[in-house]
Amino acid sequence: MRVLLTNDDGIRAPGLKALVDLRPPDVELWVMAPDRERSATGHAITVHKPLFVDAVDMGQDVRAFQVNGTPSDCVKLGMELFGERPDVVISGINRGPNLGTDVMYSGTVSGAIEAAVGGVPALAVSLDSHSAWAPQDYRVASQIAWYVARKLDEHGLPAGTLLNVNVPAGSEIRGFMVTRLGIRRYRDVLHRRVDPRGRVYYWMAGEAEDVDVDDATDAGAVRSGYVSITPMEFDLTKHAAVETVRSWGLDLPDLRAPGGERA
């Protein structure tokens, strides 16, 4: 199995290191990750500056590179520069969960989305812990990531589908649960502050609030001690609303400029 790893915590992140260190012996491993933390970059790509790709030593038989770009950049480059396509892309292991509406902002999830856009099966893996010093938890999450990656390679998914995987912290994991995305909001998102020169600035922060936490949601499953696996697709069309909008009887308004000329 040929696997491309990426993340949004940077090439030196402990979650990425755990995936490299605990890779199965039959895996051909490539790594293409940002040179520094790129959390909450969403699906951004770099188009206004050059991308530099530098080799990194991550052990024997690992082709590893760092990029001065985003996770989406890394996956785009990785799927083109290695000469062959990977069988699976794993993005993670993220420090902190990516639950509910977090997936809209997550660089980790966007790395997996970029792979799915390119036709490669992918999973985003996140650990429900913000501790950078959780080697046992990263070890468990890595074992789960490789297990799910193997299943994904064996069984496949419909085109354009990826898996968002969230692993509870701690050793008492009760099993797997296939879930839907919940709804997550943040309270007190903006903090207004003043710098030493009297200029007002805002610090983006906040406390997560999960609106629905039953076990059918990703947040509810993780809270109950289960590994949450949420199949996702990048088609954001609200299909149920298509006929509703068509029923509005949309017609072009008068597009002529004020002087009578057509705009």
C-alpha atoms as a PDB file:
ATOM      1  CA  MET A   1       0.000   0.000   0.000  1.00  0.00           C
ATOM      2  CA  ARG A   2       1.425   3.365  -1.065  1.00  0.00           C
ATOM      3  CA  VAL A   3       0.451   6.117   1.391  1.00  0.00           C
ATOM      4  CA  LEU A   4       0.943   9.889   1.331  1.00  0.00           C
ATOM      5  CA  LEU A   5       0.929  11.629   4.723  1.00  0.00           C
ATOM      6  CA  THR A   6       0.224  15.299   5.323  1.00  0.00           C
ATOM      7  CA  ASN A   7      -1.066  17.445   8.196  1.00  0.00           C
ATOM      8  CA  ASP A   8      -1.683  21.039   9.264  1.00  0.00           C
ATOM      9  CA  ASP A   9       0.395  21.011  12.482  1.00  0.00           C
ATOM     10  CA  GLY A  10       3.673  21.005  10.567  1.00  0.00           C
ATOM     11  CA  ILE A  11       6.357  18.526   9.591  1.00  0.00           C
ATOM     12  CA  ARG A  12       7.653  18.186  13.175  1.00  0.00           C
ATOM     13  CA  ALA A  13       4.282  17.574  14.833  1.00  0.00           C
ATOM     14  CA  PRO A  14       4.034  14.570  17.184  1.00  0.00           C
ATOM     15  CA  GLY A  15       0.927  13.244  15.423  1.00  0.00           C
ATOM     16  CA  LEU A  16       2.748  13.004  12.103  1.00  0.00           C
ATOM     17  CA  LYS A  17       5.769  11.409  13.775  1.00  0.00           C
ATOM     18  CA  ALA A  18       3.533   8.756  15.349  1.00  0.00           C
ATOM     19  CA  LEU A  19       2.123   7.830  11.940  1.00  0.00           C
ATOM     20  CA  VAL A  20       5.638   7.540  10.500  1.00  0.00           C
ATOM     21  CA  ASP A  21       7.036   5.540  13.415  1.00  0.00           C
ATOM     22  CA  LEU A  22       4.141   3.071  13.572  1.00  0.00           C
ATOM     23  CA  ARG A  23       3.661   2.504   9.842  1.00  0.00           C
ATOM     24  CA  PRO A  24       3.016  -1.115   8.808  1.00  0.00           C
ATOM     25  CA  PRO A  25       6.042  -2.855   7.290  1.00  0.00           C
ATOM     26  CA  ASP A  26       4.433  -3.292   3.857  1.00  0.00           C
ATOM     27  CA  VAL A  27       3.630   0.424   3.438  1.00  0.00           C
ATOM     28  CA  GLU A  28       5.540   2.568   0.966  1.00  0.00           C
ATOM     29  CA  LEU A  29       5.489   5.896   2.757  1.00  0.00           C
ATOM     30  CA  TRP A  30       5.641   9.425   1.376  1.00  0.00           C
ATOM     31  CA  VAL A  31       5.359  12.566   3.494  1.00  0.00           C
ATOM     32  CA  MET A  32       4.562  16.043   2.181  1.00  0.00           C
ATOM     33  CA  ALA A  33       3.735  18.408   5.050  1.00  0.00           C
ATOM     34  CA  PRO A  34       3.847  22.147   5.809  1.00  0.00           C
ATOM     35  CA  ASP A  35       7.122  23.522   7.165  1.00  0.00           C
ATOM     36  CA  ARG A  36       5.222  25.095  10.088  1.00  0.00           C
ATOM     37  CA  GLU A  37       1.801  24.994  11.695  1.00  0.00           C
ATOM     38  CA  ARG A  38      -1.032  25.784   9.284  1.00  0.00           C
ATOM     39  CA  SER A  39      -4.040  25.152  11.509  1.00  0.00           C
ATOM     40  CA  ALA A  40      -7.421  26.618  10.473  1.00  0.00           C
ATOM     41  CA  THR A  41      -6.251  27.416   6.940  1.00  0.00           C
ATOM     42  CA  GLY A  42      -9.253  25.612   5.489  1.00  0.00           C
ATOM     43  CA  HIS A  43      -8.871  24.712   1.822  1.00  0.00           C
ATOM     44  CA  ALA A  44      -6.513  27.569   1.000  1.00  0.00           C
ATOM     45  CA  ILE A  45      -3.958  27.122  -1.774  1.00  0.00           C
ATOM     46  CA  THR A  46      -0.907  29.267  -2.510  1.00  0.00           C
ATOM     47  CA  VAL A  47      -1.065  31.211  -5.770  1.00  0.00           C
ATOM     48  CA  HIS A  48       0.756  34.505  -5.070  1.00  0.00           C
ATOM     49  CA  LYS A  49       4.183  33.229  -4.065  1.00  0.00           C
ATOM     50  CA  PRO A  50       6.465  30.324  -5.028  1.00  0.00           C
ATOM     51  CA  LEU A  51       6.338  27.000  -3.223  1.00  0.00           C
ATOM     52  CA  PHE A  52       9.620  25.523  -2.021  1.00  0.00           C
ATOM     53  CA  VAL A  53       9.940  21.782  -1.401  1.00  0.00           C
ATOM     54  CA  ASP A  54      12.811  20.672   0.860  1.00  0.00           C
ATOM     55  CA  ALA A  55      13.801  17.121   1.794  1.00  0.00           C
ATOM     56  CA  VAL A  56      13.517  16.118   5.459  1.00  0.00           C
ATOM     57  CA  ASP A  57      15.053  13.081   7.166  1.00  0.00           C
ATOM     58  CA  MET A  58      12.245  11.075   8.770  1.00  0.00           C
ATOM     59  CA  GLY A  59      13.923   7.696   8.783  1.00  0.00           C
ATOM     60  CA  GLN A  60      14.879   4.923   6.428  1.00  0.00           C
ATOM     61  CA  ASP A  61      12.602   4.222   3.462  1.00  0.00           C
ATOM     62  CA  VAL A  62      10.533   7.380   4.029  1.00  0.00           C
ATOM     63  CA  ARG A  63      10.435   9.969   1.253  1.00  0.00           C
ATOM     64  CA  ALA A  64       9.706  13.106   3.271  1.00  0.00           C
ATOM     65  CA  PHE A  65       9.509  16.769   2.283  1.00  0.00           C
ATOM     66  CA  GLN A  66       8.390  20.035   3.845  1.00  0.00           C
ATOM     67  CA  VAL A  67       6.591  22.772   1.918  1.00  0.00           C
ATOM     68  CA  ASN A  68       6.139  26.467   2.662  1.00  0.00           C
ATOM     69  CA  GLY A  69       2.452  26.104   1.882  1.00  0.00           C
ATOM     70  CA  THR A  70      -0.875  24.771   3.104  1.00  0.00           C
ATOM     71  CA  PRO A  71      -2.054  21.171   3.519  1.00  0.00           C
ATOM     72  CA  SER A  72      -3.935  21.445   0.222  1.00  0.00           C
ATOM     73  CA  ASP A  73      -0.725  22.597  -1.474  1.00  0.00           C
ATOM     74  CA  CYS A  74       1.097  19.630   0.028  1.00  0.00           C
ATOM     75  CA  VAL A  75      -1.403  17.101  -1.285  1.00  0.00           C
ATOM     76  CA  LYS A  76      -1.457  18.692  -4.741  1.00  0.00           C
ATOM     77  CA  LEU A  77       2.339  18.516  -4.869  1.00  0.00           C
ATOM     78  CA  GLY A  78       2.512  15.033  -3.390  1.00  0.00           C
ATOM     79  CA  MET A  79       0.119  13.566  -5.919  1.00  0.00           C
ATOM     80  CA  GLU A  80       2.172  15.011  -8.793  1.00  0.00           C
ATOM     81  CA  LEU A  81       5.834  15.033  -7.774  1.00  0.00           C
ATOM     82  CA  PHE A  82       6.339  11.454  -6.630  1.00  0.00           C
ATOM     83  CA  GLY A  83       5.732  10.049 -10.101  1.00  0.00           C
ATOM     84  CA  GLU A  84       2.982   7.647  -9.001  1.00  0.00           C
ATOM     85  CA  ARG A  85      -0.350   8.149  -7.334  1.00  0.00           C
ATOM     86  CA  PRO A  86      -0.767   7.084  -3.693  1.00  0.00           C
ATOM     87  CA  ASP A  87      -3.318   4.415  -2.838  1.00  0.00           C
ATOM     88  CA  VAL A  88      -4.450   6.343   0.251  1.00  0.00           C
ATOM     89  CA  VAL A  89      -3.837   9.800   1.720  1.00  0.00           C
ATOM     90  CA  ILE A  90      -3.815  10.230   5.513  1.00  0.00           C
ATOM     91  CA  SER A  91      -4.022  13.781   6.867  1.00  0.00           C
ATOM     92  CA  GLY A  92      -3.108  14.126  10.550  1.00  0.00           C
ATOM     93  CA  ILE A  93      -2.907  13.189  13.302  1.00  0.00           C
ATOM     94  CA  ASN A  94      -4.267  16.587  14.301  1.00  0.00           C
ATOM     95  CA  ARG A  95      -3.706  17.961  17.796  1.00  0.00           C
ATOM     96  CA  GLY A  96      -7.291  18.612  18.826  1.00  0.00           C
ATOM     97  CA  PRO A  97     -10.569  17.303  17.389  1.00  0.00           C
ATOM     98  CA  ASN A  98     -12.207  18.305  14.125  1.00  0.00           C
ATOM     99  CA  LEU A  99     -15.889  17.875  14.906  1.00  0.00           C
ATOM    100  CA  GLY A 100     -19.054  19.253  13.362  1.00  0.00           C
ATOM    101  CA  THR A 101     -18.625  22.600  11.659  1.00  0.00           C
ATOM    102  CA  ASP A 102     -14.900  22.594  12.530  1.00  0.00           C
ATOM    103  CA  VAL A 103     -14.399  20.736   9.254  1.00  0.00           C
ATOM    104  CA  MET A 104     -15.116  23.946   7.319  1.00  0.00           C
ATOM    105  CA  TYR A 105     -11.983  25.573   8.749  1.00  0.00           C
ATOM    106  CA  SER A 106      -9.694  22.605   9.315  1.00  0.00           C
ATOM    107  CA  GLY A 107      -6.476  22.331   7.330  1.00  0.00           C
ATOM    108  CA  THR A 108      -6.324  18.670   8.349  1.00  0.00           C
ATOM    109  CA  VAL A 109      -9.707  17.901   6.819  1.00  0.00           C
ATOM    110  CA  SER A 110      -8.905  20.007   3.753  1.00  0.00           C
ATOM    111  CA  GLY A 111      -5.817  17.905   3.076  1.00  0.00           C
ATOM    112  CA  ALA A 112      -8.059  14.850   2.838  1.00  0.00           C
ATOM    113  CA  ILE A 113     -10.619  16.753   0.765  1.00  0.00           C
ATOM    114  CA  GLU A 114      -7.917  17.710  -1.731  1.00  0.00           C
ATOM    115  CA  ALA A 115      -7.024  14.050  -2.128  1.00  0.00           C
ATOM    116  CA  ALA A 116     -10.679  13.157  -2.695  1.00  0.00           C
ATOM    117  CA  VAL A 117     -10.935  15.926  -5.296  1.00  0.00           C
ATOM    118  CA  GLY A 118      -7.985  14.278  -7.022  1.00  0.00           C
ATOM    119  CA  GLY A 119      -9.653  10.866  -6.969  1.00  0.00           C
ATOM    120  CA  VAL A 120      -7.552   9.319  -4.182  1.00  0.00           C
ATOM    121  CA  PRO A 121      -9.176   7.674  -1.118  1.00  0.00           C
ATOM    122  CA  ALA A 122      -8.404   9.713   1.976  1.00  0.00           C
ATOM    123  CA  LEU A 123      -8.980  10.072   5.686  1.00  0.00           C
ATOM    124  CA  ALA A 124      -8.441  12.966   8.083  1.00  0.00           C
ATOM    125  CA  VAL A 125      -7.471  11.864  11.595  1.00  0.00           C
ATOM    126  CA  SER A 126      -7.726  14.022  14.715  1.00  0.00           C
ATOM    127  CA  LEU A 127      -7.080  13.357  18.403  1.00  0.00           C
ATOM    128  CA  ASP A 128      -9.510  14.795  20.954  1.00  0.00           C
ATOM    129  CA  SER A 129      -6.697  16.337  22.972  1.00  0.00           C
ATOM    130  CA  HIS A 130      -4.867  19.658  22.746  1.00  0.00           C
ATOM    131  CA  SER A 131      -1.852  18.361  24.662  1.00  0.00           C
ATOM    132  CA  ALA A 132       1.335  18.326  22.610  1.00  0.00           C
ATOM    133  CA  TRP A 133       2.786  15.759  25.034  1.00  0.00           C
ATOM    134  CA  ALA A 134       0.469  12.775  24.679  1.00  0.00           C
ATOM    135  CA  PRO A 135       2.671  10.000  23.221  1.00  0.00           C
ATOM    136  CA  GLN A 136       0.389   7.174  24.348  1.00  0.00           C
ATOM    137  CA  ASP A 137      -2.694   8.847  22.882  1.00  0.00           C
ATOM    138  CA  TYR A 138      -0.896   9.528  19.591  1.00  0.00           C
ATOM    139  CA  ARG A 139       0.248   5.909  19.511  1.00  0.00           C
ATOM    140  CA  VAL A 140      -3.331   4.669  19.875  1.00  0.00           C
ATOM    141  CA  ALA A 141      -4.617   7.175  17.319  1.00  0.00           C
ATOM    142  CA  SER A 142      -1.879   6.104  14.893  1.00  0.00           C
ATOM    143  CA  GLN A 143      -2.827   2.442  15.230  1.00  0.00           C
ATOM    144  CA  ILE A 144      -6.447   3.344  14.544  1.00  0.00           C
ATOM    145  CA  ALA A 145      -5.474   5.512  11.560  1.00  0.00           C
ATOM    146  CA  TRP A 146      -3.482   2.706   9.936  1.00  0.00           C
ATOM    147  CA  TYR A 147      -6.293   0.215  10.619  1.00  0.00           C
ATOM    148  CA  VAL A 148      -8.889   2.471   8.956  1.00  0.00           C
ATOM    149  CA  ALA A 149      -6.531   3.248   6.066  1.00  0.00           C
ATOM    150  CA  ARG A 150      -6.169  -0.460   5.387  1.00  0.00           C
ATOM    151  CA  LYS A 151      -9.944  -0.914   5.406  1.00  0.00           C
ATOM    152  CA  LEU A 152     -10.315   2.056   3.074  1.00  0.00           C
ATOM    153  CA  ASP A 153      -7.758   0.612   0.666  1.00  0.00           C
ATOM    154  CA  GLU A 154      -9.463  -2.796   0.713  1.00  0.00           C
ATOM    155  CA  HIS A 155     -13.075  -1.689   0.359  1.00  0.00           C
ATOM    156  CA  GLY A 156     -12.935   1.761  -1.242  1.00  0.00           C
ATOM    157  CA  LEU A 157     -15.573   4.496  -1.199  1.00  0.00           C
ATOM    158  CA  PRO A 158     -17.690   6.269  -3.818  1.00  0.00           C
ATOM    159  CA  ALA A 159     -15.752   8.862  -5.803  1.00  0.00           C
ATOM    160  CA  GLY A 160     -15.351  12.170  -4.020  1.00  0.00           C
ATOM    161  CA  THR A 161     -15.836  10.684  -0.542  1.00  0.00           C
ATOM    162  CA  LEU A 162     -13.443  10.963   2.389  1.00  0.00           C
ATOM    163  CA  LEU A 163     -13.503   9.863   6.025  1.00  0.00           C
ATOM    164  CA  ASN A 164     -13.235  12.261   8.953  1.00  0.00           C
ATOM    165  CA  VAL A 165     -11.914  10.268  11.926  1.00  0.00           C
ATOM    166  CA  ASN A 166     -11.851  11.590  15.496  1.00  0.00           C
ATOM    167  CA  VAL A 167     -10.174   9.546  18.232  1.00  0.00           C
ATOM    168  CA  PRO A 168     -10.957  10.045  21.942  1.00  0.00           C
ATOM    169  CA  ALA A 169      -8.019  10.716  24.244  1.00  0.00           C
ATOM    170  CA  GLY A 170      -7.200   8.033  26.801  1.00  0.00           C
ATOM    171  CA  SER A 171      -6.858   4.271  26.536  1.00  0.00           C
ATOM    172  CA  GLU A 172     -10.492   3.306  27.262  1.00  0.00           C
ATOM    173  CA  ILE A 173     -11.833   3.420  23.709  1.00  0.00           C
ATOM    174  CA  ARG A 174     -15.131   1.558  23.376  1.00  0.00           C
ATOM    175  CA  GLY A 175     -15.099   0.919  19.625  1.00  0.00           C
ATOM    176  CA  PHE A 176     -16.033   2.582  16.353  1.00  0.00           C
ATOM    177  CA  MET A 177     -19.162   4.514  15.493  1.00  0.00           C
ATOM    178  CA  VAL A 178     -20.109   5.739  12.017  1.00  0.00           C
ATOM    179  CA  THR A 179     -21.607   9.190  12.525  1.00  0.00           C
ATOM    180  CA  ARG A 180     -22.910  12.360  10.933  1.00  0.00           C
ATOM    181  CA  LEU A 181     -21.430  15.811  11.443  1.00  0.00           C
ATOM    182  CA  GLY A 182     -22.840  17.616  14.426  1.00  0.00           C
ATOM    183  CA  ILE A 183     -23.261  21.372  14.838  1.00  0.00           C
ATOM    184  CA  ARG A 184     -20.454  23.121  16.713  1.00  0.00           C
ATOM    185  CA  ARG A 185     -20.415  26.808  17.563  1.00  0.00           C
ATOM    186  CA  TYR A 186     -17.984  28.977  19.511  1.00  0.00           C
ATOM    187  CA  ARG A 187     -18.824  31.437  22.290  1.00  0.00           C
ATOM    188  CA  ASP A 188     -16.832  34.654  22.859  1.00  0.00           C
ATOM    189  CA  VAL A 189     -15.009  34.280  19.574  1.00  0.00           C
ATOM    190  CA  LEU A 190     -13.536  37.800  19.397  1.00  0.00           C
ATOM    191  CA  HIS A 191     -11.450  39.339  22.186  1.00  0.00           C
ATOM    192  CA  ARG A 192     -10.865  43.086  21.836  1.00  0.00           C
ATOM    193  CA  ARG A 193      -7.467  44.218  23.100  1.00  0.00           C
ATOM    194  CA  VAL A 194      -5.173  47.243  22.868  1.00  0.00           C
ATOM    195  CA  ASP A 195      -1.471  47.020  22.008  1.00  0.00           C
ATOM    196  CA  PRO A 196       1.237  49.152  23.745  1.00  0.00           C
ATOM    197  CA  ARG A 197       0.838  51.856  21.086  1.00  0.00           C
ATOM    198  CA  GLY A 198      -2.878  52.212  21.681  1.00  0.00           C
ATOM    199  CA  ARG A 199      -4.030  50.356  18.568  1.00  0.00           C
ATOM    200  CA  VAL A 200      -7.089  48.162  18.930  1.00  0.00           C
ATOM    201  CA  TYR A 201      -6.775  44.578  17.755  1.00  0.00           C
ATOM    202  CA  TYR A 202      -8.852  41.423  18.037  1.00  0.00           C
ATOM    203  CA  TRP A 203      -7.773  37.944  19.066  1.00  0.00           C
ATOM    204  CA  MET A 204      -9.814  35.112  17.597  1.00  0.00           C
ATOM    205  CA  ALA A 205     -10.598  32.532  20.270  1.00  0.00           C
ATOM    206  CA  GLY A 206     -13.582  30.907  21.901  1.00  0.00           C
ATOM    207  CA  GLU A 207     -15.067  27.981  23.732  1.00  0.00           C
ATOM    208  CA  ALA A 208     -16.647  25.219  21.671  1.00  0.00           C
ATOM    209  CA  GLU A 209     -20.343  24.519  22.125  1.00  0.00           C
ATOM    210  CA  ASP A 210     -21.826  21.396  20.541  1.00  0.00           C
ATOM    211  CA  VAL A 211     -25.494  21.983  19.788  1.00  0.00           C
ATOM    212  CA  ASP A 212     -26.356  18.324  19.182  1.00  0.00           C
ATOM    213  CA  VAL A 213     -24.411  15.614  21.005  1.00  0.00           C
ATOM    214  CA  ASP A 214     -26.447  12.434  20.613  1.00  0.00           C
ATOM    215  CA  ASP A 215     -24.460   9.342  19.693  1.00  0.00           C
ATOM    216  CA  ALA A 216     -25.393   9.706  16.020  1.00  0.00           C
ATOM    217  CA  THR A 217     -23.132  12.786  15.822  1.00  0.00           C
ATOM    218  CA  ASP A 218     -19.362  12.848  15.755  1.00  0.00           C
ATOM    219  CA  ALA A 219     -19.132  14.934  18.934  1.00  0.00           C
ATOM    220  CA  GLY A 220     -21.555  12.675  20.779  1.00  0.00           C
ATOM    221  CA  ALA A 221     -19.669   9.530  19.783  1.00  0.00           C
ATOM    222  CA  VAL A 222     -16.283  10.902  20.876  1.00  0.00           C
ATOM    223  CA  ARG A 223     -17.764  12.138  24.144  1.00  0.00           C
ATOM    224  CA  SER A 224     -19.053   8.608  24.783  1.00  0.00           C
ATOM    225  CA  GLY A 225     -15.610   7.093  24.181  1.00  0.00           C
ATOM    226  CA  TYR A 226     -16.024   5.921  20.576  1.00  0.00           C
ATOM    227  CA  VAL A 227     -13.871   6.592  17.549  1.00  0.00           C
ATOM    228  CA  SER A 228     -16.082   8.657  15.255  1.00  0.00           C
ATOM    229  CA  ILE A 229     -15.908   7.985  11.517  1.00  0.00           C
ATOM    230  CA  THR A 230     -17.882  10.410   9.372  1.00  0.00           C
ATOM    231  CA  PRO A 231     -18.077   9.865   5.600  1.00  0.00           C
ATOM    232  CA  MET A 232     -17.967  13.265   3.889  1.00  0.00           C
ATOM    233  CA  GLU A 233     -18.080  14.638   0.363  1.00  0.00           C
ATOM    234  CA  PHE A 234     -17.003  17.966  -1.073  1.00  0.00           C
ATOM    235  CA  ASP A 235     -20.270  18.483  -2.982  1.00  0.00           C
ATOM    236  CA  LEU A 236     -21.872  21.266  -0.923  1.00  0.00           C
ATOM    237  CA  THR A 237     -25.053  21.350  -3.004  1.00  0.00           C
ATOM    238  CA  LYS A 238     -28.223  21.332  -0.875  1.00  0.00           C
ATOM    239  CA  HIS A 239     -30.048  18.983  -3.220  1.00  0.00           C
ATOM    240  CA  ALA A 240     -33.305  19.156  -1.251  1.00  0.00           C
ATOM    241  CA  ALA A 241     -33.476  22.909  -1.923  1.00  0.00           C
ATOM    242  CA  VAL A 242     -32.893  22.791  -5.697  1.00  0.00           C
ATOM    243  CA  GLU A 243     -36.591  22.501  -6.605  1.00  0.00           C
ATOM    244  CA  THR A 244     -37.497  25.112  -3.994  1.00  0.00           C
ATOM    245  CA  VAL A 245     -35.246  27.689  -5.616  1.00  0.00           C
ATOM    246  CA  ARG A 246     -36.426  26.701  -9.117  1.00  0.00           C
ATOM    247  CA  SER A 247     -40.009  27.362  -7.994  1.00  0.00           C
ATOM    248  CA  TRP A 248     -39.164  31.039  -7.404  1.00  0.00           C
ATOM    249  CA  GLY A 249     -39.697  31.661 -11.145  1.00  0.00           C
ATOM    250  CA  LEU A 250     -36.352  33.396 -11.585  1.00  0.00           C
ATOM    251  CA  ASP A 251     -36.167  35.682 -14.624  1.00  0.00           C
ATOM    252  CA  LEU A 252     -33.605  38.245 -15.667  1.00  0.00           C
ATOM    253  CA  PRO A 253     -34.422  41.791 -14.530  1.00  0.00           C
ATOM    254  CA  ASP A 254     -33.911  44.767 -16.832  1.00  0.00           C
ATOM    255  CA  LEU A 255     -30.136  44.867 -17.216  1.00  0.00           C
ATOM    256  CA  ARG A 256     -29.986  48.115 -19.162  1.00  0.00           C
ATOM    257  CA  ALA A 257     -27.785  50.891 -17.807  1.00  0.00           C
ATOM    258  CA  PRO A 258     -29.486  54.084 -16.588  1.00  0.00           C
ATOM    259  CA  GLY A 259     -29.022  55.736 -20.017  1.00  0.00           C
ATOM    260  CA  GLY A 260     -30.921  52.987 -21.793  1.00  0.00           C
ATOM    261  CA  GLU A 261     -27.841  51.105 -22.994  1.00  0.00           C
ATOM    262  CA  ARG A 262     -27.673  47.457 -22.141  1.00  0.00           C
ATOM    263  CA  ALA A 263     -25.130  46.899 -19.360  1.00  0.00           C
END
